[in-house]
Amino acid sequence: EEQIQAKFVKYIHNGEPTPFVPPG
């Protein structure tokens, strides 16, 4: 797979259909 070179972020976890990152 294509390489990701920037900061890695988890946006949504597979256990909840809500943002994993906090507001703000």
PDBML (XML) file of the C-alpha atoms, coordinates in Angstrom:
<?xml version="1.0" encoding="UTF-8" ?>
<PDBx:datablock datablockName="MODEL"
   xmlns:PDBx="http://pdbml.pdb.org/schema/pdbx-v50.xsd"
   xmlns:xsi="http://www.w3.org/2001/XMLSchema-instance"
   xsi:schemaLocation="http://pdbml.pdb.org/schema/pdbx-v50.xsd pdbx-v50.xsd">
   <PDBx:atom_siteCategory>
      <PDBx:atom_site id="1">
         <PDBx:B_iso_or_equiv>0.00</PDBx:B_iso_or_equiv>
         <PDBx:Cartn_x>0.000</PDBx:Cartn_x>
         <PDBx:Cartn_y>0.000</PDBx:Cartn_y>
         <PDBx:Cartn_z>0.000</PDBx:Cartn_z>
         <PDBx:auth_asym_id>A</PDBx:auth_asym_id>
         <PDBx:auth_atom_id>CA</PDBx:auth_atom_id>
         <PDBx:auth_comp_id>GLU</PDBx:auth_comp_id>
         <PDBx:auth_seq_id>1</PDBx:auth_seq_id>
         <PDBx:group_PDB>ATOM</PDBx:group_PDB>
         <PDBx:label_alt_id xsi:nil="true" />
         <PDBx:label_asym_id>A</PDBx:label_asym_id>
         <PDBx:label_atom_id>CA</PDBx:label_atom_id>
         <PDBx:label_comp_id>GLU</PDBx:label_comp_id>
         <PDBx:label_entity_id>1</PDBx:label_entity_id>
         <PDBx:label_seq_id>1</PDBx:label_seq_id>
         <PDBx:occupancy>1.00</PDBx:occupancy>
         <PDBx:pdbx_PDB_model_num>1</PDBx:pdbx_PDB_model_num>
         <PDBx:type_symbol>C</PDBx:type_symbol>
      </PDBx:atom_site>
      <PDBx:atom_site id="2">
         <PDBx:B_iso_or_equiv>0.00</PDBx:B_iso_or_equiv>
         <PDBx:Cartn_x>0.865</PDBx:Cartn_x>
         <PDBx:Cartn_y>3.603</PDBx:Cartn_y>
         <PDBx:Cartn_z>-0.550</PDBx:Cartn_z>
         <PDBx:auth_asym_id>A</PDBx:auth_asym_id>
         <PDBx:auth_atom_id>CA</PDBx:auth_atom_id>
         <PDBx:auth_comp_id>GLU</PDBx:auth_comp_id>
         <PDBx:auth_seq_id>2</PDBx:auth_seq_id>
         <PDBx:group_PDB>ATOM</PDBx:group_PDB>
         <PDBx:label_alt_id xsi:nil="true" />
         <PDBx:label_asym_id>A</PDBx:label_asym_id>
         <PDBx:label_atom_id>CA</PDBx:label_atom_id>
         <PDBx:label_comp_id>GLU</PDBx:label_comp_id>
         <PDBx:label_entity_id>1</PDBx:label_entity_id>
         <PDBx:label_seq_id>2</PDBx:label_seq_id>
         <PDBx:occupancy>1.00</PDBx:occupancy>
         <PDBx:pdbx_PDB_model_num>1</PDBx:pdbx_PDB_model_num>
         <PDBx:type_symbol>C</PDBx:type_symbol>
      </PDBx:atom_site>
      <PDBx:atom_site id="3">
         <PDBx:B_iso_or_equiv>0.00</PDBx:B_iso_or_equiv>
         <PDBx:Cartn_x>2.897</PDBx:Cartn_x>
         <PDBx:Cartn_y>5.036</PDBx:Cartn_y>
         <PDBx:Cartn_z>2.314</PDBx:Cartn_z>
         <PDBx:auth_asym_id>A</PDBx:auth_asym_id>
         <PDBx:auth_atom_id>CA</PDBx:auth_atom_id>
         <PDBx:auth_comp_id>GLN</PDBx:auth_comp_id>
         <PDBx:auth_seq_id>3</PDBx:auth_seq_id>
         <PDBx:group_PDB>ATOM</PDBx:group_PDB>
         <PDBx:label_alt_id xsi:nil="true" />
         <PDBx:label_asym_id>A</PDBx:label_asym_id>
         <PDBx:label_atom_id>CA</PDBx:label_atom_id>
         <PDBx:label_comp_id>GLN</PDBx:label_comp_id>
         <PDBx:label_entity_id>1</PDBx:label_entity_id>
         <PDBx:label_seq_id>3</PDBx:label_seq_id>
         <PDBx:occupancy>1.00</PDBx:occupancy>
         <PDBx:pdbx_PDB_model_num>1</PDBx:pdbx_PDB_model_num>
         <PDBx:type_symbol>C</PDBx:type_symbol>
      </PDBx:atom_site>
      <PDBx:atom_site id="4">
         <PDBx:B_iso_or_equiv>0.00</PDBx:B_iso_or_equiv>
         <PDBx:Cartn_x>1.427</PDBx:Cartn_x>
         <PDBx:Cartn_y>7.595</PDBx:Cartn_y>
         <PDBx:Cartn_z>4.697</PDBx:Cartn_z>
         <PDBx:auth_asym_id>A</PDBx:auth_asym_id>
         <PDBx:auth_atom_id>CA</PDBx:auth_atom_id>
         <PDBx:auth_comp_id>ILE</PDBx:auth_comp_id>
         <PDBx:auth_seq_id>4</PDBx:auth_seq_id>
         <PDBx:group_PDB>ATOM</PDBx:group_PDB>
         <PDBx:label_alt_id xsi:nil="true" />
         <PDBx:label_asym_id>A</PDBx:label_asym_id>
         <PDBx:label_atom_id>CA</PDBx:label_atom_id>
         <PDBx:label_comp_id>ILE</PDBx:label_comp_id>
         <PDBx:label_entity_id>1</PDBx:label_entity_id>
         <PDBx:label_seq_id>4</PDBx:label_seq_id>
         <PDBx:occupancy>1.00</PDBx:occupancy>
         <PDBx:pdbx_PDB_model_num>1</PDBx:pdbx_PDB_model_num>
         <PDBx:type_symbol>C</PDBx:type_symbol>
      </PDBx:atom_site>
      <PDBx:atom_site id="5">
         <PDBx:B_iso_or_equiv>0.00</PDBx:B_iso_or_equiv>
         <PDBx:Cartn_x>4.058</PDBx:Cartn_x>
         <PDBx:Cartn_y>10.159</PDBx:Cartn_y>
         <PDBx:Cartn_z>5.560</PDBx:Cartn_z>
         <PDBx:auth_asym_id>A</PDBx:auth_asym_id>
         <PDBx:auth_atom_id>CA</PDBx:auth_atom_id>
         <PDBx:auth_comp_id>GLN</PDBx:auth_comp_id>
         <PDBx:auth_seq_id>5</PDBx:auth_seq_id>
         <PDBx:group_PDB>ATOM</PDBx:group_PDB>
         <PDBx:label_alt_id xsi:nil="true" />
         <PDBx:label_asym_id>A</PDBx:label_asym_id>
         <PDBx:label_atom_id>CA</PDBx:label_atom_id>
         <PDBx:label_comp_id>GLN</PDBx:label_comp_id>
         <PDBx:label_entity_id>1</PDBx:label_entity_id>
         <PDBx:label_seq_id>5</PDBx:label_seq_id>
         <PDBx:occupancy>1.00</PDBx:occupancy>
         <PDBx:pdbx_PDB_model_num>1</PDBx:pdbx_PDB_model_num>
         <PDBx:type_symbol>C</PDBx:type_symbol>
      </PDBx:atom_site>
      <PDBx:atom_site id="6">
         <PDBx:B_iso_or_equiv>0.00</PDBx:B_iso_or_equiv>
         <PDBx:Cartn_x>2.187</PDBx:Cartn_x>
         <PDBx:Cartn_y>12.725</PDBx:Cartn_y>
         <PDBx:Cartn_z>7.644</PDBx:Cartn_z>
         <PDBx:auth_asym_id>A</PDBx:auth_asym_id>
         <PDBx:auth_atom_id>CA</PDBx:auth_atom_id>
         <PDBx:auth_comp_id>ALA</PDBx:auth_comp_id>
         <PDBx:auth_seq_id>6</PDBx:auth_seq_id>
         <PDBx:group_PDB>ATOM</PDBx:group_PDB>
         <PDBx:label_alt_id xsi:nil="true" />
         <PDBx:label_asym_id>A</PDBx:label_asym_id>
         <PDBx:label_atom_id>CA</PDBx:label_atom_id>
         <PDBx:label_comp_id>ALA</PDBx:label_comp_id>
         <PDBx:label_entity_id>1</PDBx:label_entity_id>
         <PDBx:label_seq_id>6</PDBx:label_seq_id>
         <PDBx:occupancy>1.00</PDBx:occupancy>
         <PDBx:pdbx_PDB_model_num>1</PDBx:pdbx_PDB_model_num>
         <PDBx:type_symbol>C</PDBx:type_symbol>
      </PDBx:atom_site>
      <PDBx:atom_site id="7">
         <PDBx:B_iso_or_equiv>0.00</PDBx:B_iso_or_equiv>
         <PDBx:Cartn_x>0.901</PDBx:Cartn_x>
         <PDBx:Cartn_y>12.585</PDBx:Cartn_y>
         <PDBx:Cartn_z>11.224</PDBx:Cartn_z>
         <PDBx:auth_asym_id>A</PDBx:auth_asym_id>
         <PDBx:auth_atom_id>CA</PDBx:auth_atom_id>
         <PDBx:auth_comp_id>LYS</PDBx:auth_comp_id>
         <PDBx:auth_seq_id>7</PDBx:auth_seq_id>
         <PDBx:group_PDB>ATOM</PDBx:group_PDB>
         <PDBx:label_alt_id xsi:nil="true" />
         <PDBx:label_asym_id>A</PDBx:label_asym_id>
         <PDBx:label_atom_id>CA</PDBx:label_atom_id>
         <PDBx:label_comp_id>LYS</PDBx:label_comp_id>
         <PDBx:label_entity_id>1</PDBx:label_entity_id>
         <PDBx:label_seq_id>7</PDBx:label_seq_id>
         <PDBx:occupancy>1.00</PDBx:occupancy>
         <PDBx:pdbx_PDB_model_num>1</PDBx:pdbx_PDB_model_num>
         <PDBx:type_symbol>C</PDBx:type_symbol>
      </PDBx:atom_site>
      <PDBx:atom_site id="8">
         <PDBx:B_iso_or_equiv>0.00</PDBx:B_iso_or_equiv>
         <PDBx:Cartn_x>-1.375</PDBx:Cartn_x>
         <PDBx:Cartn_y>9.560</PDBx:Cartn_y>
         <PDBx:Cartn_z>11.671</PDBx:Cartn_z>
         <PDBx:auth_asym_id>A</PDBx:auth_asym_id>
         <PDBx:auth_atom_id>CA</PDBx:auth_atom_id>
         <PDBx:auth_comp_id>PHE</PDBx:auth_comp_id>
         <PDBx:auth_seq_id>8</PDBx:auth_seq_id>
         <PDBx:group_PDB>ATOM</PDBx:group_PDB>
         <PDBx:label_alt_id xsi:nil="true" />
         <PDBx:label_asym_id>A</PDBx:label_asym_id>
         <PDBx:label_atom_id>CA</PDBx:label_atom_id>
         <PDBx:label_comp_id>PHE</PDBx:label_comp_id>
         <PDBx:label_entity_id>1</PDBx:label_entity_id>
         <PDBx:label_seq_id>8</PDBx:label_seq_id>
         <PDBx:occupancy>1.00</PDBx:occupancy>
         <PDBx:pdbx_PDB_model_num>1</PDBx:pdbx_PDB_model_num>
         <PDBx:type_symbol>C</PDBx:type_symbol>
      </PDBx:atom_site>
      <PDBx:atom_site id="9">
         <PDBx:B_iso_or_equiv>0.00</PDBx:B_iso_or_equiv>
         <PDBx:Cartn_x>-4.867</PDBx:Cartn_x>
         <PDBx:Cartn_y>10.282</PDBx:Cartn_y>
         <PDBx:Cartn_z>13.043</PDBx:Cartn_z>
         <PDBx:auth_asym_id>A</PDBx:auth_asym_id>
         <PDBx:auth_atom_id>CA</PDBx:auth_atom_id>
         <PDBx:auth_comp_id>VAL</PDBx:auth_comp_id>
         <PDBx:auth_seq_id>9</PDBx:auth_seq_id>
         <PDBx:group_PDB>ATOM</PDBx:group_PDB>
         <PDBx:label_alt_id xsi:nil="true" />
         <PDBx:label_asym_id>A</PDBx:label_asym_id>
         <PDBx:label_atom_id>CA</PDBx:label_atom_id>
         <PDBx:label_comp_id>VAL</PDBx:label_comp_id>
         <PDBx:label_entity_id>1</PDBx:label_entity_id>
         <PDBx:label_seq_id>9</PDBx:label_seq_id>
         <PDBx:occupancy>1.00</PDBx:occupancy>
         <PDBx:pdbx_PDB_model_num>1</PDBx:pdbx_PDB_model_num>
         <PDBx:type_symbol>C</PDBx:type_symbol>
      </PDBx:atom_site>
      <PDBx:atom_site id="10">
         <PDBx:B_iso_or_equiv>0.00</PDBx:B_iso_or_equiv>
         <PDBx:Cartn_x>-7.635</PDBx:Cartn_x>
         <PDBx:Cartn_y>7.924</PDBx:Cartn_y>
         <PDBx:Cartn_z>14.177</PDBx:Cartn_z>
         <PDBx:auth_asym_id>A</PDBx:auth_asym_id>
         <PDBx:auth_atom_id>CA</PDBx:auth_atom_id>
         <PDBx:auth_comp_id>LYS</PDBx:auth_comp_id>
         <PDBx:auth_seq_id>10</PDBx:auth_seq_id>
         <PDBx:group_PDB>ATOM</PDBx:group_PDB>
         <PDBx:label_alt_id xsi:nil="true" />
         <PDBx:label_asym_id>A</PDBx:label_asym_id>
         <PDBx:label_atom_id>CA</PDBx:label_atom_id>
         <PDBx:label_comp_id>LYS</PDBx:label_comp_id>
         <PDBx:label_entity_id>1</PDBx:label_entity_id>
         <PDBx:label_seq_id>10</PDBx:label_seq_id>
         <PDBx:occupancy>1.00</PDBx:occupancy>
         <PDBx:pdbx_PDB_model_num>1</PDBx:pdbx_PDB_model_num>
         <PDBx:type_symbol>C</PDBx:type_symbol>
      </PDBx:atom_site>
      <PDBx:atom_site id="11">
         <PDBx:B_iso_or_equiv>0.00</PDBx:B_iso_or_equiv>
         <PDBx:Cartn_x>-10.839</PDBx:Cartn_x>
         <PDBx:Cartn_y>9.739</PDBx:Cartn_y>
         <PDBx:Cartn_z>13.125</PDBx:Cartn_z>
         <PDBx:auth_asym_id>A</PDBx:auth_asym_id>
         <PDBx:auth_atom_id>CA</PDBx:auth_atom_id>
         <PDBx:auth_comp_id>TYR</PDBx:auth_comp_id>
         <PDBx:auth_seq_id>11</PDBx:auth_seq_id>
         <PDBx:group_PDB>ATOM</PDBx:group_PDB>
         <PDBx:label_alt_id xsi:nil="true" />
         <PDBx:label_asym_id>A</PDBx:label_asym_id>
         <PDBx:label_atom_id>CA</PDBx:label_atom_id>
         <PDBx:label_comp_id>TYR</PDBx:label_comp_id>
         <PDBx:label_entity_id>1</PDBx:label_entity_id>
         <PDBx:label_seq_id>11</PDBx:label_seq_id>
         <PDBx:occupancy>1.00</PDBx:occupancy>
         <PDBx:pdbx_PDB_model_num>1</PDBx:pdbx_PDB_model_num>
         <PDBx:type_symbol>C</PDBx:type_symbol>
      </PDBx:atom_site>
      <PDBx:atom_site id="12">
         <PDBx:B_iso_or_equiv>0.00</PDBx:B_iso_or_equiv>
         <PDBx:Cartn_x>-13.475</PDBx:Cartn_x>
         <PDBx:Cartn_y>7.110</PDBx:Cartn_y>
         <PDBx:Cartn_z>13.990</PDBx:Cartn_z>
         <PDBx:auth_asym_id>A</PDBx:auth_asym_id>
         <PDBx:auth_atom_id>CA</PDBx:auth_atom_id>
         <PDBx:auth_comp_id>ILE</PDBx:auth_comp_id>
         <PDBx:auth_seq_id>12</PDBx:auth_seq_id>
         <PDBx:group_PDB>ATOM</PDBx:group_PDB>
         <PDBx:label_alt_id xsi:nil="true" />
         <PDBx:label_asym_id>A</PDBx:label_asym_id>
         <PDBx:label_atom_id>CA</PDBx:label_atom_id>
         <PDBx:label_comp_id>ILE</PDBx:label_comp_id>
         <PDBx:label_entity_id>1</PDBx:label_entity_id>
         <PDBx:label_seq_id>12</PDBx:label_seq_id>
         <PDBx:occupancy>1.00</PDBx:occupancy>
         <PDBx:pdbx_PDB_model_num>1</PDBx:pdbx_PDB_model_num>
         <PDBx:type_symbol>C</PDBx:type_symbol>
      </PDBx:atom_site>
      <PDBx:atom_site id="13">
         <PDBx:B_iso_or_equiv>0.00</PDBx:B_iso_or_equiv>
         <PDBx:Cartn_x>-12.999</PDBx:Cartn_x>
         <PDBx:Cartn_y>3.861</PDBx:Cartn_y>
         <PDBx:Cartn_z>15.919</PDBx:Cartn_z>
         <PDBx:auth_asym_id>A</PDBx:auth_asym_id>
         <PDBx:auth_atom_id>CA</PDBx:auth_atom_id>
         <PDBx:auth_comp_id>HIS</PDBx:auth_comp_id>
         <PDBx:auth_seq_id>13</PDBx:auth_seq_id>
         <PDBx:group_PDB>ATOM</PDBx:group_PDB>
         <PDBx:label_alt_id xsi:nil="true" />
         <PDBx:label_asym_id>A</PDBx:label_asym_id>
         <PDBx:label_atom_id>CA</PDBx:label_atom_id>
         <PDBx:label_comp_id>HIS</PDBx:label_comp_id>
         <PDBx:label_entity_id>1</PDBx:label_entity_id>
         <PDBx:label_seq_id>13</PDBx:label_seq_id>
         <PDBx:occupancy>1.00</PDBx:occupancy>
         <PDBx:pdbx_PDB_model_num>1</PDBx:pdbx_PDB_model_num>
         <PDBx:type_symbol>C</PDBx:type_symbol>
      </PDBx:atom_site>
      <PDBx:atom_site id="14">
         <PDBx:B_iso_or_equiv>0.00</PDBx:B_iso_or_equiv>
         <PDBx:Cartn_x>-14.854</PDBx:Cartn_x>
         <PDBx:Cartn_y>0.773</PDBx:Cartn_y>
         <PDBx:Cartn_z>14.679</PDBx:Cartn_z>
         <PDBx:auth_asym_id>A</PDBx:auth_asym_id>
         <PDBx:auth_atom_id>CA</PDBx:auth_atom_id>
         <PDBx:auth_comp_id>ASN</PDBx:auth_comp_id>
         <PDBx:auth_seq_id>14</PDBx:auth_seq_id>
         <PDBx:group_PDB>ATOM</PDBx:group_PDB>
         <PDBx:label_alt_id xsi:nil="true" />
         <PDBx:label_asym_id>A</PDBx:label_asym_id>
         <PDBx:label_atom_id>CA</PDBx:label_atom_id>
         <PDBx:label_comp_id>ASN</PDBx:label_comp_id>
         <PDBx:label_entity_id>1</PDBx:label_entity_id>
         <PDBx:label_seq_id>14</PDBx:label_seq_id>
         <PDBx:occupancy>1.00</PDBx:occupancy>
         <PDBx:pdbx_PDB_model_num>1</PDBx:pdbx_PDB_model_num>
         <PDBx:type_symbol>C</PDBx:type_symbol>
      </PDBx:atom_site>
      <PDBx:atom_site id="15">
         <PDBx:B_iso_or_equiv>0.00</PDBx:B_iso_or_equiv>
         <PDBx:Cartn_x>-16.639</PDBx:Cartn_x>
         <PDBx:Cartn_y>0.418</PDBx:Cartn_y>
         <PDBx:Cartn_z>18.041</PDBx:Cartn_z>
         <PDBx:auth_asym_id>A</PDBx:auth_asym_id>
         <PDBx:auth_atom_id>CA</PDBx:auth_atom_id>
         <PDBx:auth_comp_id>GLY</PDBx:auth_comp_id>
         <PDBx:auth_seq_id>15</PDBx:auth_seq_id>
         <PDBx:group_PDB>ATOM</PDBx:group_PDB>
         <PDBx:label_alt_id xsi:nil="true" />
         <PDBx:label_asym_id>A</PDBx:label_asym_id>
         <PDBx:label_atom_id>CA</PDBx:label_atom_id>
         <PDBx:label_comp_id>GLY</PDBx:label_comp_id>
         <PDBx:label_entity_id>1</PDBx:label_entity_id>
         <PDBx:label_seq_id>15</PDBx:label_seq_id>
         <PDBx:occupancy>1.00</PDBx:occupancy>
         <PDBx:pdbx_PDB_model_num>1</PDBx:pdbx_PDB_model_num>
         <PDBx:type_symbol>C</PDBx:type_symbol>
      </PDBx:atom_site>
      <PDBx:atom_site id="16">
         <PDBx:B_iso_or_equiv>0.00</PDBx:B_iso_or_equiv>
         <PDBx:Cartn_x>-18.632</PDBx:Cartn_x>
         <PDBx:Cartn_y>3.685</PDBx:Cartn_y>
         <PDBx:Cartn_z>17.835</PDBx:Cartn_z>
         <PDBx:auth_asym_id>A</PDBx:auth_asym_id>
         <PDBx:auth_atom_id>CA</PDBx:auth_atom_id>
         <PDBx:auth_comp_id>GLU</PDBx:auth_comp_id>
         <PDBx:auth_seq_id>16</PDBx:auth_seq_id>
         <PDBx:group_PDB>ATOM</PDBx:group_PDB>
         <PDBx:label_alt_id xsi:nil="true" />
         <PDBx:label_asym_id>A</PDBx:label_asym_id>
         <PDBx:label_atom_id>CA</PDBx:label_atom_id>
         <PDBx:label_comp_id>GLU</PDBx:label_comp_id>
         <PDBx:label_entity_id>1</PDBx:label_entity_id>
         <PDBx:label_seq_id>16</PDBx:label_seq_id>
         <PDBx:occupancy>1.00</PDBx:occupancy>
         <PDBx:pdbx_PDB_model_num>1</PDBx:pdbx_PDB_model_num>
         <PDBx:type_symbol>C</PDBx:type_symbol>
      </PDBx:atom_site>
      <PDBx:atom_site id="17">
         <PDBx:B_iso_or_equiv>0.00</PDBx:B_iso_or_equiv>
         <PDBx:Cartn_x>-20.041</PDBx:Cartn_x>
         <PDBx:Cartn_y>5.687</PDBx:Cartn_y>
         <PDBx:Cartn_z>14.881</PDBx:Cartn_z>
         <PDBx:auth_asym_id>A</PDBx:auth_asym_id>
         <PDBx:auth_atom_id>CA</PDBx:auth_atom_id>
         <PDBx:auth_comp_id>PRO</PDBx:auth_comp_id>
         <PDBx:auth_seq_id>17</PDBx:auth_seq_id>
         <PDBx:group_PDB>ATOM</PDBx:group_PDB>
         <PDBx:label_alt_id xsi:nil="true" />
         <PDBx:label_asym_id>A</PDBx:label_asym_id>
         <PDBx:label_atom_id>CA</PDBx:label_atom_id>
         <PDBx:label_comp_id>PRO</PDBx:label_comp_id>
         <PDBx:label_entity_id>1</PDBx:label_entity_id>
         <PDBx:label_seq_id>17</PDBx:label_seq_id>
         <PDBx:occupancy>1.00</PDBx:occupancy>
         <PDBx:pdbx_PDB_model_num>1</PDBx:pdbx_PDB_model_num>
         <PDBx:type_symbol>C</PDBx:type_symbol>
      </PDBx:atom_site>
      <PDBx:atom_site id="18">
         <PDBx:B_iso_or_equiv>0.00</PDBx:B_iso_or_equiv>
         <PDBx:Cartn_x>-18.880</PDBx:Cartn_x>
         <PDBx:Cartn_y>8.963</PDBx:Cartn_y>
         <PDBx:Cartn_z>16.448</PDBx:Cartn_z>
         <PDBx:auth_asym_id>A</PDBx:auth_asym_id>
         <PDBx:auth_atom_id>CA</PDBx:auth_atom_id>
         <PDBx:auth_comp_id>THR</PDBx:auth_comp_id>
         <PDBx:auth_seq_id>18</PDBx:auth_seq_id>
         <PDBx:group_PDB>ATOM</PDBx:group_PDB>
         <PDBx:label_alt_id xsi:nil="true" />
         <PDBx:label_asym_id>A</PDBx:label_asym_id>
         <PDBx:label_atom_id>CA</PDBx:label_atom_id>
         <PDBx:label_comp_id>THR</PDBx:label_comp_id>
         <PDBx:label_entity_id>1</PDBx:label_entity_id>
         <PDBx:label_seq_id>18</PDBx:label_seq_id>
         <PDBx:occupancy>1.00</PDBx:occupancy>
         <PDBx:pdbx_PDB_model_num>1</PDBx:pdbx_PDB_model_num>
         <PDBx:type_symbol>C</PDBx:type_symbol>
      </PDBx:atom_site>
      <PDBx:atom_site id="19">
         <PDBx:B_iso_or_equiv>0.00</PDBx:B_iso_or_equiv>
         <PDBx:Cartn_x>-15.711</PDBx:Cartn_x>
         <PDBx:Cartn_y>11.064</PDBx:Cartn_y>
         <PDBx:Cartn_z>16.147</PDBx:Cartn_z>
         <PDBx:auth_asym_id>A</PDBx:auth_asym_id>
         <PDBx:auth_atom_id>CA</PDBx:auth_atom_id>
         <PDBx:auth_comp_id>PRO</PDBx:auth_comp_id>
         <PDBx:auth_seq_id>19</PDBx:auth_seq_id>
         <PDBx:group_PDB>ATOM</PDBx:group_PDB>
         <PDBx:label_alt_id xsi:nil="true" />
         <PDBx:label_asym_id>A</PDBx:label_asym_id>
         <PDBx:label_atom_id>CA</PDBx:label_atom_id>
         <PDBx:label_comp_id>PRO</PDBx:label_comp_id>
         <PDBx:label_entity_id>1</PDBx:label_entity_id>
         <PDBx:label_seq_id>19</PDBx:label_seq_id>
         <PDBx:occupancy>1.00</PDBx:occupancy>
         <PDBx:pdbx_PDB_model_num>1</PDBx:pdbx_PDB_model_num>
         <PDBx:type_symbol>C</PDBx:type_symbol>
      </PDBx:atom_site>
      <PDBx:atom_site id="20">
         <PDBx:B_iso_or_equiv>0.00</PDBx:B_iso_or_equiv>
         <PDBx:Cartn_x>-12.747</PDBx:Cartn_x>
         <PDBx:Cartn_y>9.566</PDBx:Cartn_y>
         <PDBx:Cartn_z>17.983</PDBx:Cartn_z>
         <PDBx:auth_asym_id>A</PDBx:auth_asym_id>
         <PDBx:auth_atom_id>CA</PDBx:auth_atom_id>
         <PDBx:auth_comp_id>PHE</PDBx:auth_comp_id>
         <PDBx:auth_seq_id>20</PDBx:auth_seq_id>
         <PDBx:group_PDB>ATOM</PDBx:group_PDB>
         <PDBx:label_alt_id xsi:nil="true" />
         <PDBx:label_asym_id>A</PDBx:label_asym_id>
         <PDBx:label_atom_id>CA</PDBx:label_atom_id>
         <PDBx:label_comp_id>PHE</PDBx:label_comp_id>
         <PDBx:label_entity_id>1</PDBx:label_entity_id>
         <PDBx:label_seq_id>20</PDBx:label_seq_id>
         <PDBx:occupancy>1.00</PDBx:occupancy>
         <PDBx:pdbx_PDB_model_num>1</PDBx:pdbx_PDB_model_num>
         <PDBx:type_symbol>C</PDBx:type_symbol>
      </PDBx:atom_site>
      <PDBx:atom_site id="21">
         <PDBx:B_iso_or_equiv>0.00</PDBx:B_iso_or_equiv>
         <PDBx:Cartn_x>-10.991</PDBx:Cartn_x>
         <PDBx:Cartn_y>12.953</PDBx:Cartn_y>
         <PDBx:Cartn_z>18.121</PDBx:Cartn_z>
         <PDBx:auth_asym_id>A</PDBx:auth_asym_id>
         <PDBx:auth_atom_id>CA</PDBx:auth_atom_id>
         <PDBx:auth_comp_id>VAL</PDBx:auth_comp_id>
         <PDBx:auth_seq_id>21</PDBx:auth_seq_id>
         <PDBx:group_PDB>ATOM</PDBx:group_PDB>
         <PDBx:label_alt_id xsi:nil="true" />
         <PDBx:label_asym_id>A</PDBx:label_asym_id>
         <PDBx:label_atom_id>CA</PDBx:label_atom_id>
         <PDBx:label_comp_id>VAL</PDBx:label_comp_id>
         <PDBx:label_entity_id>1</PDBx:label_entity_id>
         <PDBx:label_seq_id>21</PDBx:label_seq_id>
         <PDBx:occupancy>1.00</PDBx:occupancy>
         <PDBx:pdbx_PDB_model_num>1</PDBx:pdbx_PDB_model_num>
         <PDBx:type_symbol>C</PDBx:type_symbol>
      </PDBx:atom_site>
      <PDBx:atom_site id="22">
         <PDBx:B_iso_or_equiv>0.00</PDBx:B_iso_or_equiv>
         <PDBx:Cartn_x>-12.409</PDBx:Cartn_x>
         <PDBx:Cartn_y>15.472</PDBx:Cartn_y>
         <PDBx:Cartn_z>20.621</PDBx:Cartn_z>
         <PDBx:auth_asym_id>A</PDBx:auth_asym_id>
         <PDBx:auth_atom_id>CA</PDBx:auth_atom_id>
         <PDBx:auth_comp_id>PRO</PDBx:auth_comp_id>
         <PDBx:auth_seq_id>22</PDBx:auth_seq_id>
         <PDBx:group_PDB>ATOM</PDBx:group_PDB>
         <PDBx:label_alt_id xsi:nil="true" />
         <PDBx:label_asym_id>A</PDBx:label_asym_id>
         <PDBx:label_atom_id>CA</PDBx:label_atom_id>
         <PDBx:label_comp_id>PRO</PDBx:label_comp_id>
         <PDBx:label_entity_id>1</PDBx:label_entity_id>
         <PDBx:label_seq_id>22</PDBx:label_seq_id>
         <PDBx:occupancy>1.00</PDBx:occupancy>
         <PDBx:pdbx_PDB_model_num>1</PDBx:pdbx_PDB_model_num>
         <PDBx:type_symbol>C</PDBx:type_symbol>
      </PDBx:atom_site>
      <PDBx:atom_site id="23">
         <PDBx:B_iso_or_equiv>0.00</PDBx:B_iso_or_equiv>
         <PDBx:Cartn_x>-14.228</PDBx:Cartn_x>
         <PDBx:Cartn_y>18.674</PDBx:Cartn_y>
         <PDBx:Cartn_z>19.626</PDBx:Cartn_z>
         <PDBx:auth_asym_id>A</PDBx:auth_asym_id>
         <PDBx:auth_atom_id>CA</PDBx:auth_atom_id>
         <PDBx:auth_comp_id>PRO</PDBx:auth_comp_id>
         <PDBx:auth_seq_id>23</PDBx:auth_seq_id>
         <PDBx:group_PDB>ATOM</PDBx:group_PDB>
         <PDBx:label_alt_id xsi:nil="true" />
         <PDBx:label_asym_id>A</PDBx:label_asym_id>
         <PDBx:label_atom_id>CA</PDBx:label_atom_id>
         <PDBx:label_comp_id>PRO</PDBx:label_comp_id>
         <PDBx:label_entity_id>1</PDBx:label_entity_id>
         <PDBx:label_seq_id>23</PDBx:label_seq_id>
         <PDBx:occupancy>1.00</PDBx:occupancy>
         <PDBx:pdbx_PDB_model_num>1</PDBx:pdbx_PDB_model_num>
         <PDBx:type_symbol>C</PDBx:type_symbol>
      </PDBx:atom_site>
      <PDBx:atom_site id="24">
         <PDBx:B_iso_or_equiv>0.00</PDBx:B_iso_or_equiv>
         <PDBx:Cartn_x>-11.727</PDBx:Cartn_x>
         <PDBx:Cartn_y>21.480</PDBx:Cartn_y>
         <PDBx:Cartn_z>19.218</PDBx:Cartn_z>
         <PDBx:auth_asym_id>A</PDBx:auth_asym_id>
         <PDBx:auth_atom_id>CA</PDBx:auth_atom_id>
         <PDBx:auth_comp_id>GLY</PDBx:auth_comp_id>
         <PDBx:auth_seq_id>24</PDBx:auth_seq_id>
         <PDBx:group_PDB>ATOM</PDBx:group_PDB>
         <PDBx:label_alt_id xsi:nil="true" />
         <PDBx:label_asym_id>A</PDBx:label_asym_id>
         <PDBx:label_atom_id>CA</PDBx:label_atom_id>
         <PDBx:label_comp_id>GLY</PDBx:label_comp_id>
         <PDBx:label_entity_id>1</PDBx:label_entity_id>
         <PDBx:label_seq_id>24</PDBx:label_seq_id>
         <PDBx:occupancy>1.00</PDBx:occupancy>
         <PDBx:pdbx_PDB_model_num>1</PDBx:pdbx_PDB_model_num>
         <PDBx:type_symbol>C</PDBx:type_symbol>
      </PDBx:atom_site>
   </PDBx:atom_siteCategory>
</PDBx:datablock>
